[in-house]
Amino acid sequence: MWKSLIFLGLVLIIIGILGYFFEKINFKLPGDILIKKENFTFYFPIVTCIILSIILTLILNIFKK
């Protein structure tokens, strides 16, 4: 169980680091929600979240077997 928690923590750290760098290179997929107003910006990467979820599910299923 501890190995799974450590692995999950490392994955979250890597995702955070990648998210920081992808923000700098404007990594936005079609389908991501971006709302810009005068003093307000809302960005919700729904398609990116779905793709990451699929990739993580595949990776975890490979390690599970």
N, C-alpha and C. Protein backbone atom coordinates (compact mmCIF):
# COMPACT_ATOMS: atom_id res chain seq x y z
N MET A 1 0.82 -1.19 0.00
CA MET A 1 0.00 0.00 0.00
C MET A 1 0.86 1.25 0.00
N TRP A 2 1.95 1.25 0.78
CA TRP A 2 2.80 2.43 0.85
C TRP A 2 3.47 2.71 -0.49
N LYS A 3 3.82 1.65 -1.20
CA LYS A 3 4.44 1.83 -2.52
C LYS A 3 3.46 2.52 -3.47
N SER A 4 2.20 2.15 -3.38
CA SER A 4 1.18 2.77 -4.24
C SER A 4 1.02 4.25 -3.93
N LEU A 5 1.03 4.60 -2.64
CA LEU A 5 0.91 6.00 -2.26
C LEU A 5 2.12 6.81 -2.69
N ILE A 6 3.30 6.23 -2.54
CA ILE A 6 4.52 6.92 -2.99
C ILE A 6 4.49 7.10 -4.50
N PHE A 7 4.08 6.07 -5.22
CA PHE A 7 3.99 6.15 -6.68
C PHE A 7 2.98 7.22 -7.09
N LEU A 8 1.83 7.24 -6.44
CA LEU A 8 0.81 8.25 -6.75
C LEU A 8 1.33 9.65 -6.47
N GLY A 9 2.05 9.83 -5.37
CA GLY A 9 2.64 11.12 -5.06
C GLY A 9 3.64 11.56 -6.10
N LEU A 10 4.48 10.65 -6.55
CA LEU A 10 5.45 10.98 -7.59
C LEU A 10 4.77 11.34 -8.91
N VAL A 11 3.73 10.61 -9.24
CA VAL A 11 2.98 10.91 -10.46
C VAL A 11 2.36 12.31 -10.38
N LEU A 12 1.79 12.65 -9.23
CA LEU A 12 1.20 13.98 -9.07
C LEU A 12 2.25 15.08 -9.15
N ILE A 13 3.42 14.83 -8.60
CA ILE A 13 4.51 15.81 -8.70
C ILE A 13 4.93 16.00 -10.15
N ILE A 14 5.07 14.90 -10.87
CA ILE A 14 5.46 14.98 -12.29
C ILE A 14 4.39 15.71 -13.09
N ILE A 15 3.13 15.43 -12.83
CA ILE A 15 2.04 16.12 -13.54
C ILE A 15 2.08 17.61 -13.23
N GLY A 16 2.35 17.96 -11.98
CA GLY A 16 2.45 19.38 -11.61
C GLY A 16 3.59 20.08 -12.32
N ILE A 17 4.74 19.42 -12.40
CA ILE A 17 5.89 20.01 -13.09
C ILE A 17 5.60 20.14 -14.58
N LEU A 18 5.03 19.11 -15.18
CA LEU A 18 4.70 19.18 -16.60
C LEU A 18 3.65 20.26 -16.87
N GLY A 19 2.68 20.38 -15.98
CA GLY A 19 1.67 21.43 -16.13
C GLY A 19 2.27 22.81 -16.09
N TYR A 20 3.26 22.99 -15.23
CA TYR A 20 3.94 24.28 -15.13
C TYR A 20 4.65 24.62 -16.44
N PHE A 21 5.34 23.64 -17.04
CA PHE A 21 6.06 23.90 -18.27
C PHE A 21 5.13 23.98 -19.48
N PHE A 22 4.04 23.18 -19.50
CA PHE A 22 3.09 23.25 -20.61
C PHE A 22 2.36 24.58 -20.63
N GLU A 23 2.19 25.20 -19.47
CA GLU A 23 1.56 26.51 -19.41
C GLU A 23 2.42 27.54 -20.14
N LYS A 24 3.72 27.40 -20.05
CA LYS A 24 4.64 28.34 -20.69
C LYS A 24 4.63 28.20 -22.21
N ILE A 25 4.35 26.98 -22.73
CA ILE A 25 4.37 26.79 -24.18
C ILE A 25 2.96 26.75 -24.78
N ASN A 26 1.97 27.18 -24.02
CA ASN A 26 0.58 27.25 -24.48
C ASN A 26 0.07 25.91 -24.98
N PHE A 27 0.18 24.89 -24.17
CA PHE A 27 -0.32 23.56 -24.50
C PHE A 27 -1.81 23.52 -24.18
N LYS A 28 -2.63 23.86 -25.17
CA LYS A 28 -4.08 23.87 -24.99
C LYS A 28 -4.70 23.03 -26.10
N LEU A 29 -5.47 22.05 -25.72
CA LEU A 29 -6.13 21.20 -26.69
C LEU A 29 -7.49 21.77 -27.06
N PRO A 30 -7.96 21.46 -28.27
CA PRO A 30 -9.33 21.87 -28.61
C PRO A 30 -10.31 21.18 -27.66
N GLY A 31 -11.25 21.92 -27.16
CA GLY A 31 -12.21 21.38 -26.20
C GLY A 31 -11.95 21.87 -24.79
N ASP A 32 -10.76 22.42 -24.53
CA ASP A 32 -10.48 23.02 -23.23
C ASP A 32 -11.24 24.34 -23.14
N ILE A 33 -11.76 24.63 -21.97
CA ILE A 33 -12.60 25.82 -21.78
C ILE A 33 -11.73 26.99 -21.34
N LEU A 34 -11.82 28.09 -22.07
CA LEU A 34 -11.07 29.30 -21.73
C LEU A 34 -12.03 30.49 -21.82
N ILE A 35 -12.21 31.16 -20.69
CA ILE A 35 -13.08 32.34 -20.63
C ILE A 35 -12.23 33.51 -20.16
N LYS A 36 -12.16 34.55 -20.99
CA LYS A 36 -11.39 35.74 -20.63
C LYS A 36 -12.32 36.93 -20.55
N LYS A 37 -12.28 37.62 -19.43
CA LYS A 37 -13.01 38.88 -19.24
C LYS A 37 -11.97 39.95 -18.94
N GLU A 38 -12.42 41.14 -18.56
CA GLU A 38 -11.49 42.23 -18.31
C GLU A 38 -10.47 41.89 -17.22
N ASN A 39 -10.94 41.55 -16.03
CA ASN A 39 -10.05 41.26 -14.91
C ASN A 39 -10.15 39.81 -14.45
N PHE A 40 -10.55 38.94 -15.35
CA PHE A 40 -10.84 37.57 -14.95
C PHE A 40 -10.48 36.62 -16.08
N THR A 41 -9.77 35.56 -15.75
CA THR A 41 -9.47 34.51 -16.71
C THR A 41 -9.77 33.16 -16.06
N PHE A 42 -10.56 32.34 -16.75
CA PHE A 42 -10.90 31.02 -16.26
C PHE A 42 -10.49 30.01 -17.32
N TYR A 43 -9.66 29.05 -16.93
CA TYR A 43 -9.20 28.02 -17.85
C TYR A 43 -9.46 26.66 -17.21
N PHE A 44 -10.26 25.84 -17.87
CA PHE A 44 -10.53 24.49 -17.38
C PHE A 44 -10.17 23.49 -18.48
N PRO A 45 -9.08 22.76 -18.30
CA PRO A 45 -8.59 21.84 -19.34
C PRO A 45 -9.31 20.50 -19.31
N ILE A 46 -10.57 20.48 -19.69
CA ILE A 46 -11.36 19.26 -19.59
C ILE A 46 -10.85 18.15 -20.51
N VAL A 47 -10.51 18.48 -21.75
CA VAL A 47 -10.02 17.46 -22.68
C VAL A 47 -8.66 16.94 -22.21
N THR A 48 -7.82 17.84 -21.73
CA THR A 48 -6.51 17.44 -21.21
C THR A 48 -6.68 16.51 -20.02
N CYS A 49 -7.63 16.80 -19.14
CA CYS A 49 -7.89 15.94 -17.98
C CYS A 49 -8.38 14.56 -18.41
N ILE A 50 -9.22 14.51 -19.42
CA ILE A 50 -9.72 13.22 -19.90
C ILE A 50 -8.59 12.39 -20.49
N ILE A 51 -7.74 13.02 -21.29
CA ILE A 51 -6.61 12.30 -21.90
C ILE A 51 -5.65 11.80 -20.82
N LEU A 52 -5.33 12.65 -19.84
CA LEU A 52 -4.46 12.22 -18.75
C LEU A 52 -5.09 11.08 -17.95
N SER A 53 -6.39 11.12 -17.76
CA SER A 53 -7.08 10.06 -17.04
C SER A 53 -6.97 8.74 -17.79
N ILE A 54 -7.15 8.77 -19.09
CA ILE A 54 -7.04 7.55 -19.90
C ILE A 54 -5.62 7.00 -19.84
N ILE A 55 -4.63 7.88 -19.98
CA ILE A 55 -3.24 7.44 -19.95
C ILE A 55 -2.88 6.84 -18.59
N LEU A 56 -3.28 7.51 -17.51
CA LEU A 56 -2.99 6.98 -16.17
C LEU A 56 -3.71 5.67 -15.91
N THR A 57 -4.93 5.53 -16.41
CA THR A 57 -5.66 4.27 -16.25
C THR A 57 -4.93 3.14 -16.96
N LEU A 58 -4.46 3.39 -18.17
CA LEU A 58 -3.72 2.36 -18.90
C LEU A 58 -2.42 1.99 -18.18
N ILE A 59 -1.70 2.99 -17.69
CA ILE A 59 -0.44 2.73 -16.99
C ILE A 59 -0.68 1.93 -15.71
N LEU A 60 -1.68 2.32 -14.94
CA LEU A 60 -1.96 1.61 -13.69
C LEU A 60 -2.47 0.19 -13.94
N ASN A 61 -3.22 -0.02 -15.02
CA ASN A 61 -3.67 -1.37 -15.35
C ASN A 61 -2.50 -2.25 -15.78
N ILE A 62 -1.51 -1.67 -16.43
CA ILE A 62 -0.33 -2.45 -16.81
C ILE A 62 0.44 -2.88 -15.57
N PHE A 63 0.61 -1.95 -14.60
CA PHE A 63 1.33 -2.29 -13.37
C PHE A 63 0.53 -3.25 -12.48
N LYS A 64 -0.78 -3.22 -12.60
CA LYS A 64 -1.64 -4.06 -11.77
C LYS A 64 -1.50 -5.54 -12.15
N LYS A 65 -1.26 -5.82 -13.42
CA LYS A 65 -1.18 -7.20 -13.90
C LYS A 65 0.14 -7.83 -13.66
